[in-house]
Every structure is written in C-alpha cells, then in structure tokens.
PDB file of N, CA and C in Angstrom:
ATOM      1  N   MET A   1      52.167 -15.658   4.313  1.00  0.00           N
ATOM      2  CA  MET A   1      50.734 -15.844   4.426  1.00  0.00           C
ATOM      3  C   MET A   1      50.427 -16.404   5.812  1.00  0.00           C
ATOM      4  N   TYR A   2      49.437 -15.871   6.439  1.00  0.00           N
ATOM      5  CA  TYR A   2      49.083 -16.264   7.802  1.00  0.00           C
ATOM      6  C   TYR A   2      47.935 -17.263   7.782  1.00  0.00           C
ATOM      7  N   ASN A   3      48.124 -18.410   8.393  1.00  0.00           N
ATOM      8  CA  ASN A   3      47.067 -19.414   8.546  1.00  0.00           C
ATOM      9  C   ASN A   3      46.622 -19.434   9.986  1.00  0.00           C
ATOM     10  N   LYS A   4      45.349 -19.156  10.201  1.00  0.00           N
ATOM     11  CA  LYS A   4      44.858 -19.189  11.578  1.00  0.00           C
ATOM     12  C   LYS A   4      44.710 -20.642  12.027  1.00  0.00           C
ATOM     13  N   PRO A   5      45.018 -20.932  13.266  1.00  0.00           N
ATOM     14  CA  PRO A   5      44.900 -22.317  13.747  1.00  0.00           C
ATOM     15  C   PRO A   5      43.433 -22.747  13.828  1.00  0.00           C
ATOM     16  N   ILE A   6      43.193 -24.007  13.536  1.00  0.00           N
ATOM     17  CA  ILE A   6      41.839 -24.563  13.628  1.00  0.00           C
ATOM     18  C   ILE A   6      41.669 -25.165  15.009  1.00  0.00           C
ATOM     19  N   THR A   7      40.658 -24.720  15.683  1.00  0.00           N
ATOM     20  CA  THR A   7      40.422 -25.242  17.024  1.00  0.00           C
ATOM     21  C   THR A   7      39.778 -26.624  16.928  1.00  0.00           C
ATOM     22  N   PRO A   8      40.169 -27.546  17.791  1.00  0.00           N
ATOM     23  CA  PRO A   8      39.594 -28.891  17.750  1.00  0.00           C
ATOM     24  C   PRO A   8      38.085 -28.874  17.980  1.00  0.00           C
ATOM     25  N   TYR A   9      37.395 -29.762  17.310  1.00  0.00           N
ATOM     26  CA  TYR A   9      35.954 -29.949  17.428  1.00  0.00           C
ATOM     27  C   TYR A   9      35.145 -28.746  16.964  1.00  0.00           C
ATOM     28  N   SER A  10      35.762 -27.866  16.192  1.00  0.00           N
ATOM     29  CA  SER A  10      35.004 -26.763  15.627  1.00  0.00           C
ATOM     30  C   SER A  10      34.408 -27.205  14.299  1.00  0.00           C
ATOM     31  N   GLU A  11      33.552 -26.392  13.748  1.00  0.00           N
ATOM     32  CA  GLU A  11      32.903 -26.707  12.473  1.00  0.00           C
ATOM     33  C   GLU A  11      33.930 -26.881  11.356  1.00  0.00           C
ATOM     34  N   GLU A  12      35.027 -26.158  11.425  1.00  0.00           N
ATOM     35  CA  GLU A  12      36.052 -26.192  10.378  1.00  0.00           C
ATOM     36  C   GLU A  12      36.853 -27.495  10.368  1.00  0.00           C
ATOM     37  N   SER A  13      36.860 -28.217  11.476  1.00  0.00           N
ATOM     38  CA  SER A  13      37.690 -29.418  11.555  1.00  0.00           C
ATOM     39  C   SER A  13      36.999 -30.663  11.009  1.00  0.00           C
ATOM     40  N   TYR A  14      35.744 -30.558  10.599  1.00  0.00           N
ATOM     41  CA  TYR A  14      35.017 -31.691  10.042  1.00  0.00           C
ATOM     42  C   TYR A  14      34.933 -31.567   8.526  1.00  0.00           C
ATOM     43  N   PRO A  15      34.862 -32.693   7.809  1.00  0.00           N
ATOM     44  CA  PRO A  15      34.741 -32.620   6.344  1.00  0.00           C
ATOM     45  C   PRO A  15      33.369 -32.065   5.939  1.00  0.00           C
ATOM     46  N   PRO A  16      33.257 -31.540   4.726  1.00  0.00           N
ATOM     47  CA  PRO A  16      31.960 -31.005   4.287  1.00  0.00           C
ATOM     48  C   PRO A  16      30.934 -32.118   4.099  1.00  0.00           C
ATOM     49  N   LEU A  17      29.681 -31.797   4.286  1.00  0.00           N
ATOM     50  CA  LEU A  17      28.607 -32.768   4.099  1.00  0.00           C
ATOM     51  C   LEU A  17      28.375 -32.972   2.600  1.00  0.00           C
ATOM     52  N   PRO A  18      28.077 -34.212   2.181  1.00  0.00           N
ATOM     53  CA  PRO A  18      27.830 -34.452   0.760  1.00  0.00           C
ATOM     54  C   PRO A  18      26.537 -33.780   0.297  1.00  0.00           C
ATOM     55  N   THR A  19      26.510 -33.420  -0.980  1.00  0.00           N
ATOM     56  CA  THR A  19      25.308 -32.799  -1.537  1.00  0.00           C
ATOM     57  C   THR A  19      24.231 -33.848  -1.743  1.00  0.00           C
ATOM     58  N   GLY A  20      23.046 -33.389  -2.084  1.00  0.00           N
ATOM     59  CA  GLY A  20      21.939 -34.312  -2.315  1.00  0.00           C
ATOM     60  C   GLY A  20      22.202 -35.264  -3.467  1.00  0.00           C
ATOM     61  N   SER A  21      22.804 -34.758  -4.544  1.00  0.00           N
ATOM     62  CA  SER A  21      23.078 -35.637  -5.684  1.00  0.00           C
ATOM     63  C   SER A  21      24.160 -36.654  -5.340  1.00  0.00           C
ATOM     64  N   THR A  22      25.142 -36.258  -4.557  1.00  0.00           N
ATOM     65  CA  THR A  22      26.188 -37.201  -4.141  1.00  0.00           C
ATOM     66  C   THR A  22      25.586 -38.323  -3.311  1.00  0.00           C
ATOM     67  N   ARG A  23      24.724 -37.981  -2.386  1.00  0.00           N
ATOM     68  CA  ARG A  23      24.074 -39.005  -1.561  1.00  0.00           C
ATOM     69  C   ARG A  23      23.200 -39.920  -2.404  1.00  0.00           C
ATOM     70  N   PHE A  24      22.534 -39.347  -3.415  1.00  0.00           N
ATOM     71  CA  PHE A  24      21.695 -40.165  -4.297  1.00  0.00           C
ATOM     72  C   PHE A  24      22.537 -41.186  -5.044  1.00  0.00           C
ATOM     73  N   TRP A  25      23.629 -40.763  -5.692  1.00  0.00           N
ATOM     74  CA  TRP A  25      24.446 -41.682  -6.483  1.00  0.00           C
ATOM     75  C   TRP A  25      25.145 -42.712  -5.621  1.00  0.00           C
ATOM     76  N   ARG A  26      25.464 -42.381  -4.387  1.00  0.00           N
ATOM     77  CA  ARG A  26      26.088 -43.352  -3.486  1.00  0.00           C
ATOM     78  C   ARG A  26      25.123 -44.441  -3.053  1.00  0.00           C
ATOM     79  N   SER A  27      23.838 -44.143  -3.050  1.00  0.00           N
ATOM     80  CA  SER A  27      22.853 -45.123  -2.584  1.00  0.00           C
ATOM     81  C   SER A  27      22.014 -45.720  -3.705  1.00  0.00           C
ATOM     82  N   PHE A  28      22.229 -45.327  -4.961  1.00  0.00           N
ATOM     83  CA  PHE A  28      21.471 -45.818  -6.114  1.00  0.00           C
ATOM     84  C   PHE A  28      22.055 -47.163  -6.545  1.00  0.00           C
ATOM     85  N   VAL A  29      21.324 -48.243  -6.262  1.00  0.00           N
ATOM     86  CA  VAL A  29      21.839 -49.606  -6.440  1.00  0.00           C
ATOM     87  C   VAL A  29      22.238 -49.913  -7.886  1.00  0.00           C
ATOM     88  N   PRO A  30      21.458 -49.552  -8.914  1.00  0.00           N
ATOM     89  CA  PRO A  30      21.912 -49.842 -10.283  1.00  0.00           C
ATOM     90  C   PRO A  30      23.255 -49.184 -10.616  1.00  0.00           C
ATOM     91  N   TRP A  31      23.457 -47.977 -10.178  1.00  0.00           N
ATOM     92  CA  TRP A  31      24.734 -47.295 -10.418  1.00  0.00           C
ATOM     93  C   TRP A  31      25.868 -48.013  -9.695  1.00  0.00           C
ATOM     94  N   GLN A  32      25.615 -48.460  -8.471  1.00  0.00           N
ATOM     95  CA  GLN A  32      26.633 -49.188  -7.721  1.00  0.00           C
ATOM     96  C   GLN A  32      26.980 -50.506  -8.406  1.00  0.00           C
ATOM     97  N   ALA A  33      25.988 -51.167  -8.997  1.00  0.00           N
ATOM     98  CA  ALA A  33      26.239 -52.418  -9.713  1.00  0.00           C
ATOM     99  C   ALA A  33      27.113 -52.175 -10.939  1.00  0.00           C
ATOM    100  N   ILE A  34      26.838 -51.105 -11.672  1.00  0.00           N
ATOM    101  CA  ILE A  34      27.655 -50.758 -12.845  1.00  0.00           C
ATOM    102  C   ILE A  34      29.085 -50.475 -12.416  1.00  0.00           C
ATOM    103  N   ARG A  35      29.257 -49.689 -11.381  1.00  0.00           N
ATOM    104  CA  ARG A  35      30.600 -49.348 -10.904  1.00  0.00           C
ATOM    105  C   ARG A  35      31.343 -50.597 -10.419  1.00  0.00           C
ATOM    106  N   PHE A  36      30.613 -51.527  -9.802  1.00  0.00           N
ATOM    107  CA  PHE A  36      31.198 -52.774  -9.332  1.00  0.00           C
ATOM    108  C   PHE A  36      31.755 -53.573 -10.504  1.00  0.00           C
ATOM    109  N   VAL A  37      30.968 -53.677 -11.573  1.00  0.00           N
ATOM    110  CA  VAL A  37      31.403 -54.425 -12.755  1.00  0.00           C
ATOM    111  C   VAL A  37      32.612 -53.753 -13.399  1.00  0.00           C
ATOM    112  N   VAL A  38      32.573 -52.436 -13.547  1.00  0.00           N
ATOM    113  CA  VAL A  38      33.686 -51.708 -14.166  1.00  0.00           C
ATOM    114  C   VAL A  38      34.960 -51.894 -13.351  1.00  0.00           C
ATOM    115  N   LEU A  39      34.864 -51.776 -12.050  1.00  0.00           N
ATOM    116  CA  LEU A  39      36.040 -51.943 -11.200  1.00  0.00           C
ATOM    117  C   LEU A  39      36.593 -53.358 -11.293  1.00  0.00           C
ATOM    118  N   ASN A  40      35.722 -54.357 -11.300  1.00  0.00           N
ATOM    119  CA  ASN A  40      36.185 -55.735 -11.413  1.00  0.00           C
ATOM    120  C   ASN A  40      36.836 -56.014 -12.754  1.00  0.00           C
ATOM    121  N   LEU A  41      36.312 -55.435 -13.833  1.00  0.00           N
ATOM    122  CA  LEU A  41      36.944 -55.598 -15.146  1.00  0.00           C
ATOM    123  C   LEU A  41      38.348 -54.996 -15.163  1.00  0.00           C
ATOM    124  N   LYS A  42      38.523 -53.852 -14.514  1.00  0.00           N
ATOM    125  CA  LYS A  42      39.849 -53.235 -14.428  1.00  0.00           C
ATOM    126  C   LYS A  42      40.814 -54.131 -13.652  1.00  0.00           C
ATOM    127  N   ILE A  43      40.348 -54.697 -12.562  1.00  0.00           N
ATOM    128  CA  ILE A  43      41.194 -55.583 -11.737  1.00  0.00           C
ATOM    129  C   ILE A  43      41.550 -56.830 -12.532  1.00  0.00           C
ATOM    130  N   ILE A  44      40.570 -57.415 -13.234  1.00  0.00           N
ATOM    131  CA  ILE A  44      40.844 -58.616 -14.032  1.00  0.00           C
ATOM    132  C   ILE A  44      41.873 -58.317 -15.112  1.00  0.00           C
ATOM    133  N   ARG A  45      41.764 -57.163 -15.757  1.00  0.00           N
ATOM    134  CA  ARG A  45      42.723 -56.790 -16.801  1.00  0.00           C
ATOM    135  C   ARG A  45      44.148 -56.674 -16.241  1.00  0.00           C
ATOM    136  N   ILE A  46      44.278 -56.102 -15.050  1.00  0.00           N
ATOM    137  CA  ILE A  46      45.594 -55.971 -14.428  1.00  0.00           C
ATOM    138  C   ILE A  46      46.149 -57.333 -14.070  1.00  0.00           C
ATOM    139  N   VAL A  47      45.323 -58.206 -13.477  1.00  0.00           N
ATOM    140  CA  VAL A  47      45.780 -59.530 -13.050  1.00  0.00           C
ATOM    141  C   VAL A  47      46.157 -60.377 -14.257  1.00  0.00           C
ATOM    142  N   VAL A  48      45.325 -60.391 -15.281  1.00  0.00           N
ATOM    143  CA  VAL A  48      45.621 -61.182 -16.474  1.00  0.00           C
ATOM    144  C   VAL A  48      46.870 -60.655 -17.160  1.00  0.00           C
ATOM    145  N   GLY A  49      47.036 -59.358 -17.212  1.00  0.00           N
ATOM    146  CA  GLY A  49      48.221 -58.766 -17.829  1.00  0.00           C
ATOM    147  C   GLY A  49      49.494 -59.113 -17.066  1.00  0.00           C
ATOM    148  N   GLY A  50      49.405 -59.290 -15.776  1.00  0.00           N
ATOM    149  CA  GLY A  50      50.571 -59.636 -14.976  1.00  0.00           C
ATOM    150  C   GLY A  50      50.951 -61.087 -15.070  1.00  0.00           C
ATOM    151  N   HIS A  51      50.043 -61.943 -15.511  1.00  0.00           N
ATOM    152  CA  HIS A  51      50.304 -63.364 -15.590  1.00  0.00           C
ATOM    153  C   HIS A  51      50.680 -63.828 -17.006  1.00  0.00           C
ATOM    154  N   SER A  52      50.864 -62.881 -17.899  1.00  0.00           N
ATOM    155  CA  SER A  52      51.215 -63.247 -19.280  1.00  0.00           C
ATOM    156  C   SER A  52      52.692 -63.564 -19.415  1.00  0.00           C
TER     157      SER A  52
END
C-alpha cells in the first residue's frame, strides 16, 4: 500500500476542527461541573482502595 508523504504546514498536517456540538459541550459549565465530580469520585475510589 502506498502512503503519500504529508507536506509540512499543509491542511492535512493539522488536526480536524471540532464540531459545533463538541465545542458546546466543552464550554457548557454545568456539564463540566458534572464531569469534574465524576472524575474526582473515580480518583477518590482509587486512592481509598490503595490505602486499605
């Protein structure tokens, strides 16, 4: 299979732009607060489990 080389600074060398819904969920503060709590609960569970 032949892979063509990607030229530096071309459109192909940059990551894709996020969609409108992705940008919305990344900036929606209530959703970020929920994710923050969920992530912290996971971390607490790991730490408490390691100290038993």
